[in-house]
Protein backbone atom coordinates (compact mmCIF):
# COMPACT_ATOMS: atom_id res chain seq x y z
CA MET A 1 38.27 -36.40 20.30
CA LYS A 2 41.59 -37.74 19.44
CA ARG A 3 40.49 -40.76 22.38
CA HIS A 4 37.05 -41.68 20.63
CA ALA A 5 38.82 -41.59 16.93
CA SER A 6 40.36 -44.98 17.28
CA PHE A 7 38.48 -47.56 15.94
CA TYR A 8 35.14 -48.32 17.07
CA ASN A 9 32.64 -50.63 15.19
CA THR A 10 29.43 -52.43 17.04
CA GLU A 11 25.91 -53.19 16.24
CA PRO A 12 24.01 -49.19 16.39
CA GLN A 13 20.67 -49.85 17.56
CA LEU A 14 22.04 -52.17 21.13
CA GLY A 15 25.40 -50.72 20.99
CA ALA A 16 24.11 -47.08 22.07
CA ILE A 17 24.37 -48.28 25.61
CA ILE A 18 28.55 -48.75 25.03
CA ASN A 19 28.66 -44.78 23.72
CA GLY A 20 26.25 -43.37 27.08
CA MET A 21 28.31 -45.43 28.79
CA ALA A 22 31.41 -43.55 27.32
CA VAL A 23 29.51 -40.38 27.90
CA GLY A 24 28.46 -40.81 31.35
CA MET A 25 32.50 -41.75 31.87
CA GLU A 26 34.04 -38.75 30.27
CA GLU A 27 31.47 -36.00 32.13
CA LYS A 28 33.12 -37.95 35.83
CA LYS A 29 36.33 -37.97 34.26
CA ALA A 30 35.67 -33.80 33.26
CA ASN A 31 34.34 -33.35 37.06
CA GLY A 32 37.07 -34.59 38.13
CA GLU A 33 37.17 -38.08 38.84
CA PRO A 34 40.00 -39.85 38.40
CA ILE A 35 39.07 -42.07 35.35
CA ASP A 36 41.91 -42.82 33.39
CA GLY A 37 40.87 -41.62 29.23
CA GLU A 38 42.47 -45.09 28.75
CA THR A 39 40.49 -46.97 30.76
CA ILE A 40 37.17 -45.34 29.08
CA ASN A 41 38.63 -46.13 25.55
CA THR A 42 39.46 -49.81 26.25
CA LEU A 43 35.89 -50.49 28.00
CA LYS A 44 34.26 -49.43 24.61
CA VAL A 45 36.90 -51.53 22.35
CA GLY A 46 36.01 -54.55 25.13
CA LEU A 47 32.29 -54.49 25.05
CA MET A 48 31.69 -53.54 21.00
CA GLY A 49 31.74 -57.30 20.11
CA PRO A 50 29.86 -59.11 23.04
CA VAL A 51 27.22 -56.45 22.34
CA ALA A 52 27.65 -56.47 18.83
CA GLY A 53 27.05 -60.07 19.17
CA ILE A 54 23.81 -60.12 21.16
CA GLY A 55 22.46 -56.76 18.97
CA ASP A 56 23.10 -58.91 15.56
CA SER A 57 21.33 -61.43 16.85
CA MET A 58 18.07 -59.32 18.43
CA VAL A 59 17.98 -56.84 15.44
CA PRO A 60 18.94 -58.33 12.07
CA GLY A 61 18.46 -61.96 13.53
CA MET A 62 14.63 -61.40 14.95
CA LEU A 63 13.15 -57.86 14.61
CA VAL A 64 13.95 -57.02 11.17
CA PRO A 65 12.33 -60.71 9.93
CA ILE A 66 9.43 -60.81 12.40
CA LEU A 67 8.66 -56.95 11.13
CA LEU A 68 8.85 -57.86 7.42
CA SER A 69 6.65 -60.56 7.70
CA ILE A 70 4.27 -58.85 8.53
CA GLY A 71 4.69 -55.79 6.22
CA MET A 72 4.90 -59.16 3.80
CA ALA A 73 1.47 -59.97 4.88
CA LEU A 74 0.24 -56.94 4.53
CA ALA A 75 1.25 -56.03 1.29
CA ALA A 76 0.45 -58.98 -0.32
CA GLY A 77 -2.89 -57.73 -1.82
CA GLY A 78 -1.23 -54.74 -3.29
CA SER A 79 -1.45 -52.79 0.18
CA MET A 80 0.60 -49.72 1.02
CA LEU A 81 0.18 -50.36 4.55
CA GLY A 82 2.87 -53.35 4.43
CA PRO A 83 5.98 -50.91 3.47
CA ILE A 84 4.19 -48.17 5.78
CA PHE A 85 4.02 -50.42 8.84
CA TYR A 86 7.52 -51.60 8.47
CA ILE A 87 9.47 -48.43 8.18
CA VAL A 88 7.17 -46.54 10.70
CA ALA A 89 7.69 -49.94 13.08
CA PHE A 90 11.63 -50.25 13.15
CA ASN A 91 12.25 -47.05 13.48
CA ALA A 92 10.50 -46.03 16.06
CA ILE A 93 12.22 -49.04 17.50
CA ALA A 94 14.68 -48.37 16.20
CA ILE A 95 14.93 -44.87 17.71
CA PHE A 96 13.44 -44.80 21.18
CA GLY A 97 15.06 -47.64 21.72
CA SER A 98 18.71 -47.12 21.10
CA TYR A 99 17.85 -43.55 23.36
CA LYS A 100 16.34 -45.50 26.61
CA LEU A 101 19.84 -47.86 25.99
CA PHE A 102 22.04 -44.55 25.74
CA MET A 103 20.48 -43.30 28.77
CA LYS A 104 20.79 -46.21 30.56
CA GLY A 105 24.89 -46.83 29.52
CA TYR A 106 24.77 -42.59 30.90
CA LYS A 107 23.29 -42.95 34.34
CA MET A 108 24.17 -46.73 35.55
CA GLY A 109 27.94 -46.56 33.70
CA ALA A 110 29.57 -49.91 33.23
CA GLY A 111 27.01 -51.90 35.58
CA SER A 112 24.50 -51.40 33.01
CA VAL A 113 26.55 -54.25 30.54
CA GLU A 114 27.02 -56.76 33.54
CA MET A 115 23.80 -58.81 32.29
CA LEU A 116 24.83 -58.50 28.57
CA VAL A 117 28.14 -59.65 28.67
CA SER A 118 27.64 -62.18 31.79
CA HIS A 119 27.53 -66.26 31.38
CA ARG A 120 23.82 -65.66 30.89
CA SER A 121 24.46 -63.65 27.67
CA THR A 122 25.62 -67.26 25.22
CA LYS A 123 22.30 -68.51 26.32
CA ILE A 124 20.11 -65.27 25.41
CA ARG A 125 21.66 -65.02 21.95
CA GLU A 126 21.39 -68.47 21.52
CA ALA A 127 17.86 -68.41 21.81
CA LEU A 128 17.51 -65.22 20.04
CA SER A 129 19.58 -66.73 17.24
CA LEU A 130 17.16 -69.84 16.86
CA LEU A 131 14.01 -67.60 17.03
CA GLY A 132 15.01 -65.53 14.31
CA VAL A 133 15.58 -69.05 12.04
CA PHE A 134 12.28 -69.74 12.64
CA VAL A 135 11.04 -66.50 11.75
CA MET A 136 13.18 -66.53 8.55
CA GLY A 137 11.93 -70.22 7.66
CA GLY A 138 8.32 -69.40 8.26
CA VAL A 139 9.12 -66.14 5.87
CA ALA A 140 10.67 -68.61 2.98
CA ALA A 141 8.30 -71.07 3.18
CA SER A 142 5.17 -68.68 3.01
CA TYR A 143 6.24 -65.54 0.33
CA VAL A 144 9.24 -67.76 -1.83
CA ASN A 145 7.13 -68.90 -5.09
CA LEU A 146 9.31 -70.34 -7.90
CA GLY A 147 7.48 -72.88 -10.55
CA THR A 148 8.74 -74.11 -13.64
CA GLY A 149 6.39 -74.29 -16.93
CA LEU A 150 8.27 -77.02 -18.67
CA GLU A 151 6.22 -79.73 -20.48
CA PHE A 152 7.17 -82.73 -22.47
CA VAL A 153 5.30 -85.07 -24.81
CA THR A 154 6.17 -88.42 -24.91
CA LYS A 155 6.51 -90.75 -27.82
CA ASP A 156 2.61 -92.00 -27.15
CA GLY A 157 1.47 -88.56 -26.80
CA VAL A 158 1.22 -88.25 -22.99
CA ASP A 159 2.14 -84.70 -22.06
CA ILE A 160 4.52 -84.50 -18.50
CA ASN A 161 4.47 -81.24 -16.49
CA VAL A 162 7.51 -81.21 -14.94
CA GLN A 163 5.52 -78.84 -11.93
CA MET A 164 2.84 -81.02 -11.45
CA MET A 165 5.00 -84.09 -11.63
CA LEU A 166 7.73 -82.51 -8.93
CA ASP A 167 4.52 -81.51 -6.50
CA GLY A 168 3.85 -84.79 -6.66
CA ILE A 169 7.17 -86.00 -4.81
CA PHE A 170 7.81 -82.62 -3.02
CA PRO A 171 6.02 -79.65 -2.92
CA LYS A 172 8.08 -76.79 -3.29
CA LEU A 173 10.94 -78.12 -3.67
CA LEU A 174 12.09 -74.98 -6.02
CA PRO A 175 11.57 -73.12 -3.51
CA LEU A 176 13.69 -74.61 -0.76
CA ILE A 177 16.28 -75.05 -3.28
CA VAL A 178 16.50 -71.11 -4.68
CA VAL A 179 16.56 -70.53 -0.64
CA LEU A 180 19.41 -73.25 0.18
CA GLY A 181 21.08 -72.07 -2.81
CA THR A 182 21.45 -68.24 -1.61
CA TRP A 183 22.17 -69.13 1.39
CA PHE A 184 24.85 -71.53 0.39
CA ALA A 185 26.44 -69.10 -1.81
CA MET A 186 26.42 -66.14 1.26
CA ALA A 187 27.32 -68.07 4.40
CA LYS A 188 29.48 -70.65 2.28
CA LYS A 189 31.08 -68.80 -0.77
CA GLY A 190 31.09 -65.18 0.86
CA LEU A 191 28.80 -63.40 -1.36
CA SER A 192 27.38 -59.92 -0.64
CA PRO A 193 23.66 -59.65 -0.20
CA VAL A 194 23.48 -57.42 -3.28
CA LYS A 195 25.26 -59.58 -5.64
CA ALA A 196 23.46 -62.53 -4.51
CA MET A 197 19.66 -60.80 -5.00
CA LEU A 198 21.47 -58.98 -8.51
CA SER A 199 22.21 -62.73 -9.54
CA LEU A 200 18.76 -64.30 -8.39
CA VAL A 201 17.33 -61.83 -10.61
CA VAL A 202 19.81 -62.13 -13.49
CA ILE A 203 18.72 -65.96 -13.35
CA SER A 204 14.70 -65.29 -13.27
CA PHE A 205 14.98 -63.30 -16.35
CA ILE A 206 17.11 -65.81 -18.15
CA GLY A 207 14.96 -68.46 -16.81
CA VAL A 208 11.39 -66.58 -17.81
CA ALA A 209 13.13 -66.10 -21.31
CA ILE A 210 14.13 -69.06 -22.08
CA GLY A 211 10.77 -70.61 -20.28
CA LEU A 212 12.24 -72.69 -17.66
CA PHE A 213 10.24 -70.67 -14.89
């Protein structure tokens, strides 16, 4: 217990394979096999980074956006099927997937993650990250909507609708600015997702109150 109280942090779903390996090796050590306790801890610490990198590309970077896009499409008409689908689908994949990976690590030991930390893992991680970017781009283009209600009347009595003018020059320009601005604040300025969402709510409230949106 003292050995496994040391720092350990990895992606929870895919990282289950490391936990399975640790349990399997602890069992072999308890049965008298010549396995050093420090080796088990070193294995966990050494694998938690590479496995977390792949897991973050697969789960938050690919799986969650795909499931959310399906759920948002189902909920677009006000149906409860959207959130129910996401909750059931994600938990089913996470629970059963984690269990399978845990048992895989338990049965096969250190060899079970060879392909995850090999040279091929870099290409796999890049491919999954790229797919996640495409999915997030599609979600942003389909579901982020923003328009301005600003109108101006010239001296000649011509009514200028700013939103119509923007649509004629660059359709969906405002939603693009929102997406890129949020990404910049989170990726470059270190803004947390919760603070980003609260900031968007505040900006939306003020914008509606003054007639900007």
